[in-house]
């Protein structure tokens, strides 16, 4: 069962709770099935990797681990404050997200490229 998540890839978010509370970063990946997000340079786990095969190198790898989506809050690109976005549907059927504090339309990089 996929759940609705209030953030998208390439959004900037602020971590609200846990050991990483107060840190911010860019969302790298969203998993709707589990309700988690992976944020850049937040909740970094150390993994010991054994070499598999002749040419693969082993060692200690640092990789970002998932955080539950309810523990992050979207940061408005205009006013730089964490905000819960307002979802609106324009008359043409286009869905937009707006900042509750400044009223600016929040676009992801993917939407801005179009």
N, C-alpha and C. Protein backbone atom coordinates (compact mmCIF):
# COMPACT_ATOMS: atom_id res chain seq x y z
N UNK A 1 0.84 -1.18 0.00
CA UNK A 1 0.00 0.00 0.00
C UNK A 1 0.88 1.25 0.00
N UNK A 2 0.81 2.02 -1.06
CA UNK A 2 1.61 3.24 -1.17
C UNK A 2 0.93 4.38 -0.43
N UNK A 3 1.73 5.14 0.29
CA UNK A 3 1.19 6.28 1.04
C UNK A 3 1.59 7.58 0.36
N UNK A 4 0.83 8.64 0.64
CA UNK A 4 1.15 9.94 0.09
C UNK A 4 2.29 10.56 0.88
N UNK A 5 3.23 11.10 0.19
CA UNK A 5 4.37 11.74 0.83
C UNK A 5 4.42 13.20 0.39
N UNK A 6 4.64 14.08 1.35
CA UNK A 6 4.57 15.52 1.11
C UNK A 6 5.83 16.11 0.48
N UNK A 7 6.88 15.33 0.32
CA UNK A 7 8.10 15.82 -0.31
C UNK A 7 8.39 15.02 -1.58
N UNK A 8 9.14 15.64 -2.48
CA UNK A 8 9.52 14.99 -3.73
C UNK A 8 11.04 14.97 -3.82
N UNK A 9 11.55 14.24 -4.79
CA UNK A 9 12.99 14.22 -5.02
C UNK A 9 13.48 15.62 -5.35
N UNK A 10 14.68 15.92 -4.90
CA UNK A 10 15.37 17.20 -5.11
C UNK A 10 14.78 18.35 -4.30
N UNK A 11 13.85 18.08 -3.38
CA UNK A 11 13.37 19.09 -2.44
C UNK A 11 14.40 19.23 -1.32
N UNK A 12 14.49 20.42 -0.73
CA UNK A 12 15.32 20.61 0.45
C UNK A 12 14.43 20.43 1.67
N UNK A 13 14.88 19.61 2.62
CA UNK A 13 14.08 19.31 3.81
C UNK A 13 14.90 19.53 5.07
N UNK A 14 14.18 19.70 6.19
CA UNK A 14 14.76 19.83 7.52
C UNK A 14 14.33 18.62 8.33
N UNK A 15 15.27 17.98 9.01
CA UNK A 15 14.95 16.81 9.84
C UNK A 15 14.42 17.31 11.17
N UNK A 16 13.24 16.81 11.59
CA UNK A 16 12.57 17.29 12.79
C UNK A 16 12.91 16.50 14.04
N UNK A 17 13.12 15.19 13.93
CA UNK A 17 13.35 14.38 15.12
C UNK A 17 14.40 13.32 14.86
N UNK A 18 14.87 12.72 15.96
CA UNK A 18 15.90 11.70 15.87
C UNK A 18 17.27 12.28 16.15
N UNK A 19 18.30 11.46 15.97
CA UNK A 19 19.66 11.91 16.27
C UNK A 19 20.17 12.95 15.28
N UNK A 20 19.54 13.05 14.13
CA UNK A 20 19.94 14.01 13.10
C UNK A 20 19.06 15.27 13.10
N UNK A 21 18.29 15.51 14.17
CA UNK A 21 17.36 16.64 14.22
C UNK A 21 18.09 17.96 14.03
N UNK A 22 17.51 18.83 13.20
CA UNK A 22 18.09 20.14 12.94
C UNK A 22 18.93 20.20 11.68
N UNK A 23 19.31 19.06 11.14
CA UNK A 23 20.10 19.05 9.91
C UNK A 23 19.18 19.18 8.70
N UNK A 24 19.71 19.72 7.62
CA UNK A 24 18.92 19.82 6.40
C UNK A 24 19.73 19.28 5.23
N UNK A 25 19.02 18.93 4.18
CA UNK A 25 19.68 18.39 3.00
C UNK A 25 18.68 18.17 1.88
N UNK A 26 19.19 17.72 0.76
CA UNK A 26 18.37 17.49 -0.43
C UNK A 26 17.88 16.05 -0.44
N UNK A 27 16.62 15.84 -0.83
CA UNK A 27 16.05 14.49 -0.90
C UNK A 27 16.60 13.81 -2.14
N UNK A 28 17.24 12.64 -1.93
CA UNK A 28 17.81 11.89 -3.03
C UNK A 28 16.84 10.86 -3.58
N UNK A 29 16.04 10.26 -2.69
CA UNK A 29 15.15 9.18 -3.11
C UNK A 29 13.92 9.14 -2.21
N UNK A 30 12.76 8.83 -2.80
CA UNK A 30 11.51 8.70 -2.06
C UNK A 30 10.97 7.29 -2.28
N UNK A 31 10.64 6.59 -1.18
CA UNK A 31 10.05 5.26 -1.27
C UNK A 31 8.62 5.36 -0.74
N UNK A 32 7.66 5.40 -1.65
CA UNK A 32 6.25 5.56 -1.25
C UNK A 32 5.70 4.32 -0.57
N UNK A 33 6.20 3.14 -0.94
CA UNK A 33 5.71 1.90 -0.34
C UNK A 33 6.03 1.83 1.15
N UNK A 34 7.23 2.23 1.53
CA UNK A 34 7.64 2.19 2.93
C UNK A 34 7.41 3.51 3.66
N UNK A 35 7.16 4.58 2.91
CA UNK A 35 6.94 5.89 3.52
C UNK A 35 8.23 6.52 4.02
N UNK A 36 9.34 6.26 3.33
CA UNK A 36 10.63 6.78 3.76
C UNK A 36 11.28 7.65 2.69
N UNK A 37 12.23 8.47 3.11
CA UNK A 37 13.02 9.30 2.20
C UNK A 37 14.49 9.14 2.55
N UNK A 38 15.35 9.31 1.56
CA UNK A 38 16.80 9.32 1.79
C UNK A 38 17.26 10.74 1.53
N UNK A 39 17.89 11.34 2.56
CA UNK A 39 18.33 12.73 2.50
C UNK A 39 19.86 12.75 2.43
N UNK A 40 20.39 13.63 1.58
CA UNK A 40 21.82 13.73 1.36
C UNK A 40 22.55 14.17 2.64
N UNK A 41 23.59 13.44 3.02
CA UNK A 41 24.45 13.73 4.18
C UNK A 41 23.71 13.71 5.52
N UNK A 42 22.59 13.00 5.60
CA UNK A 42 21.84 12.87 6.85
C UNK A 42 21.60 11.38 7.09
N UNK A 43 21.74 10.94 8.35
CA UNK A 43 21.55 9.55 8.74
C UNK A 43 22.49 8.64 7.95
N UNK A 44 23.78 8.98 7.95
CA UNK A 44 24.78 8.22 7.21
C UNK A 44 25.18 6.99 8.01
N UNK A 45 25.08 5.82 7.40
CA UNK A 45 25.41 4.55 8.03
C UNK A 45 26.74 4.04 7.47
N UNK A 46 27.50 3.36 8.32
CA UNK A 46 28.77 2.77 7.91
C UNK A 46 28.53 1.31 7.58
N UNK A 47 28.96 0.91 6.40
CA UNK A 47 28.74 -0.46 5.95
C UNK A 47 30.10 -1.06 5.58
N UNK A 48 30.38 -2.25 6.10
CA UNK A 48 31.61 -2.95 5.77
C UNK A 48 31.32 -3.89 4.60
N UNK A 49 31.96 -3.64 3.47
CA UNK A 49 31.67 -4.40 2.26
C UNK A 49 32.84 -5.32 1.93
N UNK A 50 32.50 -6.59 1.71
CA UNK A 50 33.48 -7.59 1.35
C UNK A 50 33.60 -7.63 -0.17
N UNK A 51 34.82 -7.74 -0.69
CA UNK A 51 34.94 -7.79 -2.15
C UNK A 51 34.31 -9.06 -2.72
N UNK A 52 33.52 -8.91 -3.74
CA UNK A 52 32.89 -10.03 -4.44
C UNK A 52 33.46 -10.05 -5.86
N UNK A 53 34.13 -11.11 -6.20
CA UNK A 53 34.72 -11.21 -7.53
C UNK A 53 36.16 -10.72 -7.54
N UNK A 54 36.79 -10.86 -8.66
CA UNK A 54 38.21 -10.55 -8.78
C UNK A 54 38.51 -9.05 -8.79
N UNK A 55 37.65 -8.25 -9.43
CA UNK A 55 37.96 -6.84 -9.64
C UNK A 55 37.20 -5.89 -8.72
N UNK A 56 36.33 -6.41 -7.88
CA UNK A 56 35.57 -5.54 -6.99
C UNK A 56 36.36 -5.29 -5.71
N UNK A 57 36.41 -4.05 -5.30
CA UNK A 57 37.18 -3.67 -4.13
C UNK A 57 36.28 -3.64 -2.90
N UNK A 58 36.79 -4.12 -1.79
CA UNK A 58 36.06 -4.09 -0.53
C UNK A 58 36.46 -2.88 0.29
N UNK A 59 35.86 -2.73 1.46
CA UNK A 59 36.24 -1.63 2.33
C UNK A 59 35.05 -1.12 3.12
N UNK A 60 35.24 0.02 3.76
CA UNK A 60 34.19 0.65 4.56
C UNK A 60 33.51 1.70 3.71
N UNK A 61 32.19 1.57 3.59
CA UNK A 61 31.41 2.48 2.75
C UNK A 61 30.45 3.26 3.65
N UNK A 62 30.35 4.56 3.41
CA UNK A 62 29.39 5.40 4.13
C UNK A 62 28.25 5.71 3.17
N UNK A 63 27.02 5.34 3.55
CA UNK A 63 25.87 5.59 2.69
C UNK A 63 24.71 6.10 3.52
N UNK A 64 23.86 6.93 2.90
CA UNK A 64 22.71 7.51 3.58
C UNK A 64 21.63 6.45 3.77
N UNK A 65 21.11 6.38 4.99
CA UNK A 65 20.05 5.42 5.31
C UNK A 65 18.70 6.15 5.27
N UNK A 66 17.60 5.42 5.07
CA UNK A 66 16.29 6.08 4.98
C UNK A 66 15.79 6.62 6.31
N UNK A 67 14.98 7.69 6.22
CA UNK A 67 14.31 8.32 7.36
C UNK A 67 12.82 8.30 7.04
N UNK A 68 11.99 8.11 8.05
CA UNK A 68 10.54 8.13 7.81
C UNK A 68 10.14 9.54 7.36
N UNK A 69 9.23 9.61 6.40
CA UNK A 69 8.82 10.89 5.81
C UNK A 69 8.17 11.83 6.82
N UNK A 70 7.58 11.29 7.89
CA UNK A 70 6.96 12.15 8.89
C UNK A 70 7.98 12.90 9.74
N UNK A 71 9.24 12.51 9.66
CA UNK A 71 10.29 13.16 10.44
C UNK A 71 11.01 14.26 9.68
N UNK A 72 10.55 14.60 8.48
CA UNK A 72 11.17 15.68 7.72
C UNK A 72 10.10 16.71 7.33
N UNK A 73 10.55 17.96 7.18
CA UNK A 73 9.65 19.03 6.78
C UNK A 73 10.27 19.80 5.61
N UNK A 74 9.46 20.13 4.64
CA UNK A 74 9.89 20.84 3.45
C UNK A 74 10.37 22.24 3.79
N UNK A 75 11.47 22.68 3.18
CA UNK A 75 11.99 24.04 3.35
C UNK A 75 11.65 24.82 2.09
N UNK A 76 10.98 25.96 2.28
CA UNK A 76 10.57 26.81 1.15
C UNK A 76 11.81 27.42 0.50
N UNK A 77 11.96 27.31 -0.82
CA UNK A 77 13.12 27.90 -1.48
C UNK A 77 13.11 29.43 -1.48
N UNK A 78 11.93 30.03 -1.34
CA UNK A 78 11.84 31.50 -1.36
C UNK A 78 12.21 32.12 -0.02
N UNK A 79 11.50 31.70 1.05
CA UNK A 79 11.71 32.32 2.36
C UNK A 79 12.67 31.55 3.25
N UNK A 80 13.12 30.37 2.83
CA UNK A 80 14.09 29.53 3.55
C UNK A 80 13.61 29.08 4.93
N UNK A 81 12.28 29.02 5.15
CA UNK A 81 11.71 28.54 6.40
C UNK A 81 11.06 27.18 6.18
N UNK A 82 11.13 26.28 7.19
CA UNK A 82 10.41 25.02 7.07
C UNK A 82 8.91 25.26 7.07
N UNK A 83 8.19 24.60 6.20
CA UNK A 83 6.77 24.84 6.06
C UNK A 83 6.03 23.58 5.65
N UNK A 84 4.76 23.52 6.02
CA UNK A 84 3.89 22.45 5.54
C UNK A 84 3.21 23.01 4.29
N UNK A 85 3.43 22.41 3.13
CA UNK A 85 2.92 23.01 1.89
C UNK A 85 1.40 22.90 1.76
N UNK A 86 0.82 23.89 1.09
CA UNK A 86 -0.60 23.89 0.76
C UNK A 86 -0.71 23.28 -0.64
N UNK A 87 -1.59 22.30 -0.79
CA UNK A 87 -1.82 21.70 -2.11
C UNK A 87 -3.03 22.36 -2.73
N UNK A 88 -2.87 22.87 -3.95
CA UNK A 88 -3.97 23.50 -4.66
C UNK A 88 -4.08 22.90 -6.05
N UNK A 89 -5.30 22.90 -6.57
CA UNK A 89 -5.54 22.45 -7.93
C UNK A 89 -6.06 23.66 -8.71
N UNK A 90 -5.32 24.04 -9.74
CA UNK A 90 -5.73 25.18 -10.58
C UNK A 90 -6.90 24.77 -11.46
N UNK A 91 -7.64 25.72 -12.01
CA UNK A 91 -8.78 25.39 -12.86
C UNK A 91 -8.45 24.48 -14.05
N UNK A 92 -7.25 24.54 -14.56
CA UNK A 92 -6.85 23.69 -15.68
C UNK A 92 -6.53 22.27 -15.26
N UNK A 93 -6.56 21.98 -13.94
CA UNK A 93 -6.26 20.64 -13.45
C UNK A 93 -4.82 20.48 -12.99
N UNK A 94 -4.04 21.55 -13.08
CA UNK A 94 -2.64 21.49 -12.66
C UNK A 94 -2.55 21.55 -11.14
N UNK A 95 -1.76 20.64 -10.54
CA UNK A 95 -1.58 20.61 -9.10
C UNK A 95 -0.32 21.38 -8.73
N UNK A 96 -0.44 22.24 -7.72
CA UNK A 96 0.72 23.03 -7.27
C UNK A 96 0.85 22.92 -5.76
N UNK A 97 2.06 23.23 -5.28
CA UNK A 97 2.32 23.32 -3.85
C UNK A 97 2.71 24.75 -3.53
N UNK A 98 2.14 25.30 -2.44
CA UNK A 98 2.44 26.67 -2.04
C UNK A 98 2.96 26.68 -0.61
N UNK A 99 3.78 27.67 -0.31
CA UNK A 99 4.31 27.87 1.04
C UNK A 99 3.23 28.52 1.90
N UNK A 100 3.02 28.02 3.11
CA UNK A 100 2.03 28.61 4.02
C UNK A 100 2.49 29.96 4.56
N UNK A 101 3.81 30.18 4.64
CA UNK A 101 4.33 31.39 5.25
C UNK A 101 4.41 32.57 4.28
N UNK A 102 4.97 32.33 3.08
CA UNK A 102 5.14 33.44 2.14
C UNK A 102 4.20 33.36 0.94
N UNK A 103 3.55 32.23 0.72
CA UNK A 103 2.60 32.09 -0.38
C UNK A 103 3.22 31.80 -1.73
N UNK A 104 4.54 31.61 -1.78
CA UNK A 104 5.22 31.35 -3.04
C UNK A 104 4.95 29.92 -3.52
N UNK A 105 4.92 29.74 -4.83
CA UNK A 105 4.74 28.41 -5.41
C UNK A 105 6.07 27.67 -5.30
N UNK A 106 6.02 26.45 -4.76
CA UNK A 106 7.22 25.63 -4.57
C UNK A 106 7.36 24.72 -5.77
N UNK A 107 8.46 24.86 -6.48
CA UNK A 107 8.74 24.02 -7.64
C UNK A 107 9.96 23.16 -7.35
N UNK A 108 9.94 21.94 -7.84
CA UNK A 108 11.13 21.10 -7.76
C UNK A 108 11.97 21.41 -9.00
N UNK A 109 13.18 20.93 -9.01
CA UNK A 109 14.09 21.16 -10.14
C UNK A 109 13.50 20.51 -11.39
N UNK A 110 12.88 19.33 -11.23
CA UNK A 110 12.30 18.62 -12.35
C UNK A 110 11.20 19.45 -13.02
N UNK A 111 10.35 20.11 -12.21
CA UNK A 111 9.28 20.95 -12.76
C UNK A 111 9.84 22.21 -13.40
N UNK A 112 10.92 22.75 -12.86
CA UNK A 112 11.51 23.97 -13.38
C UNK A 112 12.17 23.74 -14.74
N UNK A 113 12.64 22.51 -15.01
CA UNK A 113 13.29 22.21 -16.28
C UNK A 113 12.31 22.14 -17.45
N UNK A 114 11.03 21.89 -17.16
CA UNK A 114 10.03 21.76 -18.23
C UNK A 114 9.78 23.05 -18.96
